[in-house]
């Protein structure tokens, strides 16, 4: 199964000015965005599952990136949300850098197989590219951000 980010990340799931100042606030803010777009059946269950995953170990992967994720019965259909916080959020990242680019993955608990792993792999591969990360920091609209992320699809 190939992951097509364009299918998983509508423009309505891109927010270039996250308000939250902590990991928990950002997870709540992005979950609300995902819920408002109809991807969640139970927002609270999804947030609990994402926070449980965070408790297992940081999803701050370094280079200013965090990829919180959860397989949850609260998810109706898979999606990826993207949020940016120029000032950064302390995420316990492996390199000590605050997270400025946050990608939140939501997949259903049932029938997801290894879908979240394929999404993680696809995002990670793309985000290793310095010019892409820099471009995402400069993006002025959700469509700019999606065009950068999906240029290989």
N, C-alpha and C. Protein backbone atom coordinates (compact mmCIF):
# COMPACT_ATOMS: atom_id res chain seq x y z
N UNK A 1 0.84 -1.19 0.00
CA UNK A 1 0.00 0.00 0.00
C UNK A 1 0.88 1.24 0.00
N UNK A 2 0.71 2.08 -0.98
CA UNK A 2 1.42 3.34 -1.05
C UNK A 2 0.58 4.39 -0.33
N UNK A 3 1.27 5.29 0.34
CA UNK A 3 0.58 6.35 1.07
C UNK A 3 0.54 7.60 0.20
N UNK A 4 -0.65 8.08 -0.08
CA UNK A 4 -0.82 9.33 -0.81
C UNK A 4 -1.27 10.39 0.19
N UNK A 5 -0.34 11.25 0.59
CA UNK A 5 -0.67 12.28 1.59
C UNK A 5 -1.80 13.18 1.14
N UNK A 6 -1.91 13.39 -0.16
CA UNK A 6 -2.97 14.26 -0.69
C UNK A 6 -4.36 13.72 -0.28
N UNK A 7 -4.48 12.40 -0.24
CA UNK A 7 -5.76 11.79 0.14
C UNK A 7 -6.02 11.86 1.63
N UNK A 8 -4.96 11.98 2.42
CA UNK A 8 -5.08 11.94 3.88
C UNK A 8 -5.08 13.31 4.55
N UNK A 9 -4.66 14.35 3.81
CA UNK A 9 -4.49 15.66 4.42
C UNK A 9 -5.19 16.75 3.60
N UNK A 10 -6.50 16.90 3.84
CA UNK A 10 -7.17 18.02 3.17
C UNK A 10 -6.67 19.36 3.73
N UNK A 11 -6.84 20.40 2.96
CA UNK A 11 -6.36 21.73 3.40
C UNK A 11 -6.96 22.15 4.74
N UNK A 12 -8.15 21.66 5.04
CA UNK A 12 -8.80 22.01 6.31
C UNK A 12 -8.06 21.43 7.51
N UNK A 13 -7.12 20.50 7.28
CA UNK A 13 -6.34 19.91 8.38
C UNK A 13 -4.94 20.51 8.45
N UNK A 14 -4.76 21.67 7.87
CA UNK A 14 -3.47 22.37 7.92
C UNK A 14 -3.68 23.69 8.66
N UNK A 15 -2.89 23.89 9.71
CA UNK A 15 -2.98 25.13 10.50
C UNK A 15 -1.57 25.68 10.67
N UNK A 16 -1.33 26.83 10.11
CA UNK A 16 0.02 27.41 10.09
C UNK A 16 0.32 28.29 11.29
N UNK A 17 -0.64 28.39 12.22
CA UNK A 17 -0.44 29.24 13.40
C UNK A 17 -1.05 28.58 14.63
N UNK A 18 -0.48 27.46 15.03
CA UNK A 18 -0.99 26.77 16.23
C UNK A 18 -0.97 27.71 17.42
N UNK A 19 -2.01 27.66 18.22
CA UNK A 19 -2.11 28.53 19.41
C UNK A 19 -1.50 27.87 20.65
N UNK A 20 -1.61 26.54 20.75
CA UNK A 20 -1.15 25.83 21.93
C UNK A 20 0.33 26.08 22.23
N UNK A 21 0.65 26.08 23.51
CA UNK A 21 2.03 26.34 23.93
C UNK A 21 2.69 25.12 24.57
N UNK A 22 1.90 24.06 24.79
CA UNK A 22 2.44 22.83 25.35
C UNK A 22 2.06 21.67 24.43
N UNK A 23 2.74 20.57 24.60
CA UNK A 23 2.43 19.38 23.81
C UNK A 23 0.95 19.01 23.97
N UNK A 24 0.46 19.02 25.20
CA UNK A 24 -0.92 18.64 25.46
C UNK A 24 -1.90 19.60 24.78
N UNK A 25 -1.63 20.90 24.87
CA UNK A 25 -2.51 21.89 24.24
C UNK A 25 -2.54 21.71 22.72
N UNK A 26 -1.39 21.44 22.14
CA UNK A 26 -1.31 21.27 20.68
C UNK A 26 -2.05 20.00 20.26
N UNK A 27 -1.89 18.92 21.01
CA UNK A 27 -2.61 17.69 20.69
C UNK A 27 -4.12 17.92 20.76
N UNK A 28 -4.57 18.62 21.79
CA UNK A 28 -6.00 18.95 21.92
C UNK A 28 -6.47 19.81 20.74
N UNK A 29 -5.68 20.84 20.41
CA UNK A 29 -6.04 21.76 19.33
C UNK A 29 -6.14 21.03 17.99
N UNK A 30 -5.17 20.16 17.71
CA UNK A 30 -5.18 19.45 16.44
C UNK A 30 -6.27 18.38 16.41
N UNK A 31 -6.54 17.75 17.54
CA UNK A 31 -7.63 16.77 17.61
C UNK A 31 -8.97 17.45 17.33
N UNK A 32 -9.13 18.65 17.85
CA UNK A 32 -10.37 19.40 17.60
C UNK A 32 -10.53 19.69 16.11
N UNK A 33 -9.44 20.06 15.47
CA UNK A 33 -9.45 20.33 14.03
C UNK A 33 -9.85 19.07 13.26
N UNK A 34 -9.28 17.93 13.64
CA UNK A 34 -9.59 16.65 12.98
C UNK A 34 -11.05 16.28 13.22
N UNK A 35 -11.52 16.51 14.44
CA UNK A 35 -12.90 16.19 14.79
C UNK A 35 -13.89 17.05 14.00
N UNK A 36 -13.60 18.33 13.90
CA UNK A 36 -14.49 19.26 13.18
C UNK A 36 -14.64 18.88 11.71
N UNK A 37 -13.65 18.20 11.17
CA UNK A 37 -13.70 17.80 9.76
C UNK A 37 -14.31 16.42 9.57
N UNK A 38 -14.80 15.80 10.66
CA UNK A 38 -15.55 14.56 10.55
C UNK A 38 -14.73 13.28 10.54
N UNK A 39 -13.45 13.36 10.87
CA UNK A 39 -12.61 12.16 10.86
C UNK A 39 -12.71 11.36 12.16
N UNK A 40 -13.23 11.99 13.21
CA UNK A 40 -13.32 11.31 14.50
C UNK A 40 -14.77 11.07 14.90
N UNK A 41 -15.00 9.90 15.47
CA UNK A 41 -16.30 9.61 16.05
C UNK A 41 -16.31 9.92 17.53
N UNK A 42 -15.13 9.82 18.15
CA UNK A 42 -15.00 10.07 19.59
C UNK A 42 -13.68 10.80 19.82
N UNK A 43 -13.76 12.11 19.88
CA UNK A 43 -12.58 12.95 20.03
C UNK A 43 -11.81 12.62 21.31
N UNK A 44 -12.54 12.46 22.42
CA UNK A 44 -11.88 12.22 23.70
C UNK A 44 -11.11 10.89 23.70
N UNK A 45 -11.71 9.86 23.09
CA UNK A 45 -11.02 8.57 23.02
C UNK A 45 -9.75 8.70 22.20
N UNK A 46 -9.82 9.44 21.10
CA UNK A 46 -8.63 9.64 20.26
C UNK A 46 -7.53 10.39 21.03
N UNK A 47 -7.90 11.46 21.72
CA UNK A 47 -6.91 12.22 22.49
C UNK A 47 -6.28 11.32 23.56
N UNK A 48 -7.10 10.52 24.23
CA UNK A 48 -6.56 9.59 25.24
C UNK A 48 -5.55 8.63 24.62
N UNK A 49 -5.87 8.11 23.43
CA UNK A 49 -4.97 7.16 22.77
C UNK A 49 -3.67 7.83 22.32
N UNK A 50 -3.77 9.06 21.84
CA UNK A 50 -2.56 9.79 21.44
C UNK A 50 -1.69 10.07 22.67
N UNK A 51 -2.33 10.49 23.77
CA UNK A 51 -1.57 10.78 24.99
C UNK A 51 -0.95 9.51 25.58
N UNK A 52 -1.66 8.39 25.45
CA UNK A 52 -1.10 7.11 25.92
C UNK A 52 0.13 6.76 25.10
N UNK A 53 0.08 7.01 23.80
CA UNK A 53 1.25 6.76 22.95
C UNK A 53 2.40 7.69 23.35
N UNK A 54 2.10 8.94 23.64
CA UNK A 54 3.13 9.90 24.07
C UNK A 54 3.80 9.43 25.36
N UNK A 55 3.01 8.81 26.25
CA UNK A 55 3.55 8.34 27.53
C UNK A 55 4.57 7.20 27.34
N UNK A 56 4.48 6.51 26.22
CA UNK A 56 5.42 5.41 25.94
C UNK A 56 6.79 5.93 25.51
N UNK A 57 6.83 7.12 25.00
CA UNK A 57 8.08 7.72 24.53
C UNK A 57 7.76 8.87 23.61
N UNK A 58 8.66 9.81 23.56
CA UNK A 58 8.41 11.02 22.78
C UNK A 58 8.18 10.72 21.30
N UNK A 59 7.29 11.51 20.71
CA UNK A 59 7.11 11.47 19.26
C UNK A 59 7.79 12.69 18.63
N UNK A 60 8.59 13.38 19.44
CA UNK A 60 9.44 14.46 18.93
C UNK A 60 10.66 13.80 18.30
N UNK A 61 10.69 13.78 16.97
CA UNK A 61 11.71 13.00 16.27
C UNK A 61 12.99 13.80 16.00
N UNK A 62 12.97 15.08 16.35
CA UNK A 62 14.14 15.92 16.11
C UNK A 62 13.96 16.79 14.89
N UNK A 63 14.93 17.64 14.62
CA UNK A 63 14.91 18.57 13.49
C UNK A 63 13.68 19.48 13.50
N UNK A 64 13.13 19.73 14.72
CA UNK A 64 11.97 20.60 14.84
C UNK A 64 10.66 19.93 14.47
N UNK A 65 10.63 18.59 14.49
CA UNK A 65 9.45 17.84 14.04
C UNK A 65 8.90 16.96 15.17
N UNK A 66 7.58 16.94 15.29
CA UNK A 66 6.90 15.97 16.17
C UNK A 66 5.82 15.29 15.34
N UNK A 67 5.65 13.98 15.59
CA UNK A 67 4.64 13.22 14.86
C UNK A 67 3.78 12.42 15.86
N UNK A 68 2.95 13.13 16.64
CA UNK A 68 2.06 12.40 17.54
C UNK A 68 1.07 11.58 16.72
N UNK A 69 0.73 10.41 17.22
CA UNK A 69 -0.17 9.55 16.47
C UNK A 69 -0.91 8.60 17.40
N UNK A 70 -2.02 8.10 16.88
CA UNK A 70 -2.78 7.15 17.66
C UNK A 70 -3.65 6.28 16.79
N UNK A 71 -3.60 4.98 17.07
CA UNK A 71 -4.59 4.04 16.53
C UNK A 71 -5.71 4.04 17.56
N UNK A 72 -6.91 4.38 17.13
CA UNK A 72 -7.96 4.61 18.12
C UNK A 72 -9.32 4.20 17.60
N UNK A 73 -10.13 3.66 18.49
CA UNK A 73 -11.52 3.37 18.16
C UNK A 73 -12.30 4.66 17.93
N UNK A 74 -11.73 5.79 18.36
CA UNK A 74 -12.37 7.09 18.16
C UNK A 74 -12.23 7.64 16.75
N UNK A 75 -11.40 6.98 15.92
CA UNK A 75 -11.16 7.46 14.55
C UNK A 75 -12.10 6.76 13.58
N UNK A 76 -12.80 7.55 12.76
CA UNK A 76 -13.70 6.99 11.74
C UNK A 76 -12.96 6.69 10.45
N UNK A 77 -12.07 7.60 10.04
CA UNK A 77 -11.28 7.34 8.83
C UNK A 77 -9.92 8.00 8.99
N UNK A 78 -8.90 7.41 8.36
CA UNK A 78 -7.53 7.88 8.56
C UNK A 78 -7.31 9.28 7.99
N UNK A 79 -6.41 10.01 8.65
CA UNK A 79 -6.04 11.34 8.17
C UNK A 79 -4.72 11.75 8.81
N UNK A 80 -4.16 12.81 8.25
CA UNK A 80 -2.97 13.45 8.81
C UNK A 80 -3.27 14.94 8.91
N UNK A 81 -3.02 15.52 10.07
CA UNK A 81 -3.15 16.97 10.25
C UNK A 81 -1.75 17.55 10.39
N UNK A 82 -1.57 18.76 9.90
CA UNK A 82 -0.28 19.44 10.01
C UNK A 82 -0.49 20.78 10.69
N UNK A 83 0.35 21.05 11.68
CA UNK A 83 0.32 22.33 12.37
C UNK A 83 1.73 22.89 12.51
N UNK A 84 1.81 24.19 12.49
CA UNK A 84 3.11 24.86 12.63
C UNK A 84 3.06 25.85 13.78
N UNK A 85 4.13 25.87 14.55
CA UNK A 85 4.27 26.82 15.66
C UNK A 85 5.68 27.40 15.52
N UNK A 86 5.78 28.61 14.98
CA UNK A 86 7.08 29.20 14.68
C UNK A 86 7.99 29.28 15.89
N UNK A 87 7.41 29.56 17.06
CA UNK A 87 8.24 29.69 18.26
C UNK A 87 8.63 28.33 18.85
N UNK A 88 7.97 27.28 18.40
CA UNK A 88 8.30 25.93 18.85
C UNK A 88 7.59 25.54 20.14
N UNK A 89 7.50 24.23 20.33
CA UNK A 89 6.86 23.64 21.51
C UNK A 89 7.81 22.61 22.09
N UNK A 90 8.01 22.65 23.38
CA UNK A 90 8.85 21.64 24.03
C UNK A 90 8.16 20.28 23.86
N UNK A 91 8.84 19.34 23.22
CA UNK A 91 8.22 18.05 22.92
C UNK A 91 9.06 16.88 23.44
N UNK A 92 10.15 17.19 24.14
CA UNK A 92 11.02 16.11 24.61
C UNK A 92 11.73 15.43 23.46
N UNK A 93 11.99 16.19 22.41
CA UNK A 93 12.61 15.64 21.20
C UNK A 93 13.99 15.07 21.49
N UNK A 94 14.35 14.08 20.69
CA UNK A 94 15.62 13.39 20.88
C UNK A 94 16.82 14.32 20.79
N UNK A 95 16.71 15.37 19.96
CA UNK A 95 17.84 16.30 19.80
C UNK A 95 17.70 17.56 20.67
N UNK A 96 16.65 17.61 21.50
CA UNK A 96 16.46 18.75 22.38
C UNK A 96 15.83 19.97 21.72
N UNK A 97 15.61 19.90 20.40
CA UNK A 97 15.01 21.03 19.67
C UNK A 97 13.50 21.07 19.91
N UNK A 98 12.93 22.27 20.06
CA UNK A 98 11.48 22.36 20.16
C UNK A 98 10.84 21.97 18.82
N UNK A 99 9.63 21.45 18.89
CA UNK A 99 8.91 21.08 17.66
C UNK A 99 8.24 22.32 17.08
N UNK A 100 8.51 22.56 15.82
CA UNK A 100 7.88 23.67 15.10
C UNK A 100 6.89 23.15 14.05
N UNK A 101 7.15 21.94 13.57
CA UNK A 101 6.29 21.29 12.58
C UNK A 101 5.70 20.04 13.24
N UNK A 102 4.38 20.01 13.35
CA UNK A 102 3.71 18.91 14.05
C UNK A 102 2.75 18.23 13.06
N UNK A 103 2.95 16.94 12.90
CA UNK A 103 2.10 16.12 12.05
C UNK A 103 1.37 15.13 12.94
N UNK A 104 0.05 15.19 12.96
CA UNK A 104 -0.73 14.31 13.83
C UNK A 104 -1.47 13.29 12.96
N UNK A 105 -1.19 12.03 13.23
CA UNK A 105 -1.76 10.93 12.45
C UNK A 105 -2.91 10.30 13.23
N UNK A 106 -4.03 10.09 12.55
CA UNK A 106 -5.18 9.41 13.14
C UNK A 106 -5.54 8.23 12.25
N UNK A 107 -5.55 7.04 12.83
CA UNK A 107 -6.00 5.85 12.10
C UNK A 107 -6.94 5.05 13.01
N UNK A 108 -7.93 4.39 12.39
CA UNK A 108 -8.84 3.56 13.19
C UNK A 108 -8.09 2.39 13.83
N UNK A 109 -8.53 2.00 15.01
CA UNK A 109 -7.90 0.86 15.70
C UNK A 109 -8.15 -0.43 14.95
N UNK A 110 -9.34 -0.57 14.41
CA UNK A 110 -9.72 -1.80 13.70
C UNK A 110 -9.45 -1.65 12.21
N UNK A 111 -8.89 -2.69 11.64
CA UNK A 111 -8.69 -2.72 10.19
C UNK A 111 -7.59 -1.82 9.68
N UNK A 112 -6.82 -1.21 10.57
CA UNK A 112 -5.77 -0.29 10.12
C UNK A 112 -4.50 -1.03 9.70
N UNK A 113 -4.39 -2.28 10.15
CA UNK A 113 -3.18 -3.06 9.89
C UNK A 113 -1.97 -2.22 10.24
N UNK A 114 -1.10 -2.01 9.28
CA UNK A 114 0.10 -1.23 9.57
C UNK A 114 0.04 0.14 8.88
N UNK A 115 -1.18 0.64 8.67
CA UNK A 115 -1.35 1.90 7.94
C UNK A 115 -0.61 3.05 8.62
N UNK A 116 -0.68 3.15 9.94
CA UNK A 116 -0.01 4.26 10.62
C UNK A 116 1.50 4.17 10.43
N UNK A 117 2.04 2.95 10.34
CA UNK A 117 3.48 2.80 10.11
C UNK A 117 3.85 3.26 8.70
N UNK A 118 3.02 2.96 7.73
CA UNK A 118 3.28 3.40 6.35
C UNK A 118 3.21 4.93 6.25
N UNK A 119 2.26 5.52 6.97
CA UNK A 119 2.14 6.99 6.97
C UNK A 119 3.37 7.59 7.65
N UNK A 120 3.77 7.03 8.79
CA UNK A 120 4.97 7.50 9.49
C UNK A 120 6.20 7.41 8.59
N UNK A 121 6.33 6.29 7.91
CA UNK A 121 7.48 6.09 7.02
C UNK A 121 7.48 7.12 5.89
N UNK A 122 6.33 7.34 5.30
CA UNK A 122 6.23 8.30 4.20
C UNK A 122 6.57 9.72 4.67
N UNK A 123 6.00 10.12 5.81
CA UNK A 123 6.29 11.45 6.36
C UNK A 123 7.77 11.58 6.71
N UNK A 124 8.31 10.58 7.39
CA UNK A 124 9.70 10.64 7.83
C UNK A 124 10.65 10.78 6.65
N UNK A 125 10.38 10.02 5.60
CA UNK A 125 11.23 10.09 4.41
C UNK A 125 11.22 11.51 3.83
N UNK A 126 10.04 12.07 3.69
CA UNK A 126 9.93 13.42 3.13
C UNK A 126 10.62 14.47 4.02
N UNK A 127 10.41 14.32 5.35
CA UNK A 127 10.87 15.34 6.28
C UNK A 127 12.38 15.32 6.54
N UNK A 128 13.06 14.33 6.01
CA UNK A 128 14.54 14.31 6.09
C UNK A 128 15.14 15.39 5.20
N UNK A 129 14.35 15.92 4.29
CA UNK A 129 14.78 16.90 3.31
C UNK A 129 14.79 18.31 3.92
N UNK A 130 16.01 18.86 4.11
CA UNK A 130 16.13 20.20 4.70
C UNK A 130 15.31 21.26 3.96
N UNK A 131 15.40 21.32 2.61
CA UNK A 131 14.61 22.34 1.89
C UNK A 131 13.11 22.20 2.11
N UNK A 132 12.63 20.97 2.28
CA UNK A 132 11.20 20.78 2.53
C UNK A 132 10.82 21.38 3.89
N UNK A 133 11.59 21.07 4.92
CA UNK A 133 11.30 21.61 6.25
C UNK A 133 11.37 23.13 6.23
N UNK A 134 12.37 23.67 5.57
CA UNK A 134 12.49 25.13 5.47
C UNK A 134 11.29 25.72 4.72
N UNK A 135 10.88 25.05 3.66
CA UNK A 135 9.72 25.50 2.90
C UNK A 135 8.45 25.49 3.73
N UNK A 136 8.29 24.46 4.55
CA UNK A 136 7.11 24.39 5.42
C UNK A 136 7.11 25.52 6.44
N UNK A 137 8.29 25.91 6.90
CA UNK A 137 8.37 27.03 7.84
C UNK A 137 8.02 28.36 7.15
N UNK A 138 8.26 28.44 5.86
CA UNK A 138 7.97 29.68 5.11
C UNK A 138 6.59 29.69 4.46
N UNK A 139 5.92 28.54 4.39
CA UNK A 139 4.63 28.46 3.69
C UNK A 139 3.68 29.53 4.21
N UNK A 140 2.98 30.16 3.29
CA UNK A 140 2.06 31.23 3.67
C UNK A 140 0.60 30.82 3.60
N UNK A 141 0.34 29.60 3.12
CA UNK A 141 -1.04 29.12 3.04
C UNK A 141 -1.05 27.60 3.17
N UNK A 142 -2.19 27.05 3.58
CA UNK A 142 -2.31 25.59 3.64
C UNK A 142 -2.02 24.94 2.29
N UNK A 143 -2.45 25.56 1.19
CA UNK A 143 -2.21 24.95 -0.12
C UNK A 143 -0.71 24.91 -0.44
N UNK A 144 0.04 25.93 -0.01
CA UNK A 144 1.51 25.91 -0.19
C UNK A 144 2.11 24.72 0.57
N UNK A 145 1.68 24.53 1.81
CA UNK A 145 2.22 23.44 2.63
C UNK A 145 1.91 22.08 2.01
N UNK A 146 0.68 21.90 1.57
CA UNK A 146 0.30 20.62 0.97
C UNK A 146 1.06 20.38 -0.34
N UNK A 147 1.23 21.43 -1.14
CA UNK A 147 1.98 21.27 -2.39
C UNK A 147 3.40 20.81 -2.11
N UNK A 148 4.03 21.38 -1.08
CA UNK A 148 5.39 20.95 -0.71
C UNK A 148 5.41 19.50 -0.27
N UNK A 149 4.48 19.12 0.59
CA UNK A 149 4.46 17.76 1.14
C UNK A 149 4.11 16.71 0.10
N UNK A 150 3.33 17.07 -0.88
CA UNK A 150 2.83 16.09 -1.84
C UNK A 150 3.54 16.13 -3.18
N UNK A 151 4.59 16.89 -3.29
CA UNK A 151 5.23 17.05 -4.59
C UNK A 151 5.78 15.75 -5.17
N UNK A 152 6.04 14.76 -4.31
CA UNK A 152 6.55 13.47 -4.81
C UNK A 152 5.43 12.51 -5.16
N UNK A 153 4.22 12.77 -4.69
CA UNK A 153 3.12 11.84 -4.94
C UNK A 153 2.67 11.90 -6.38
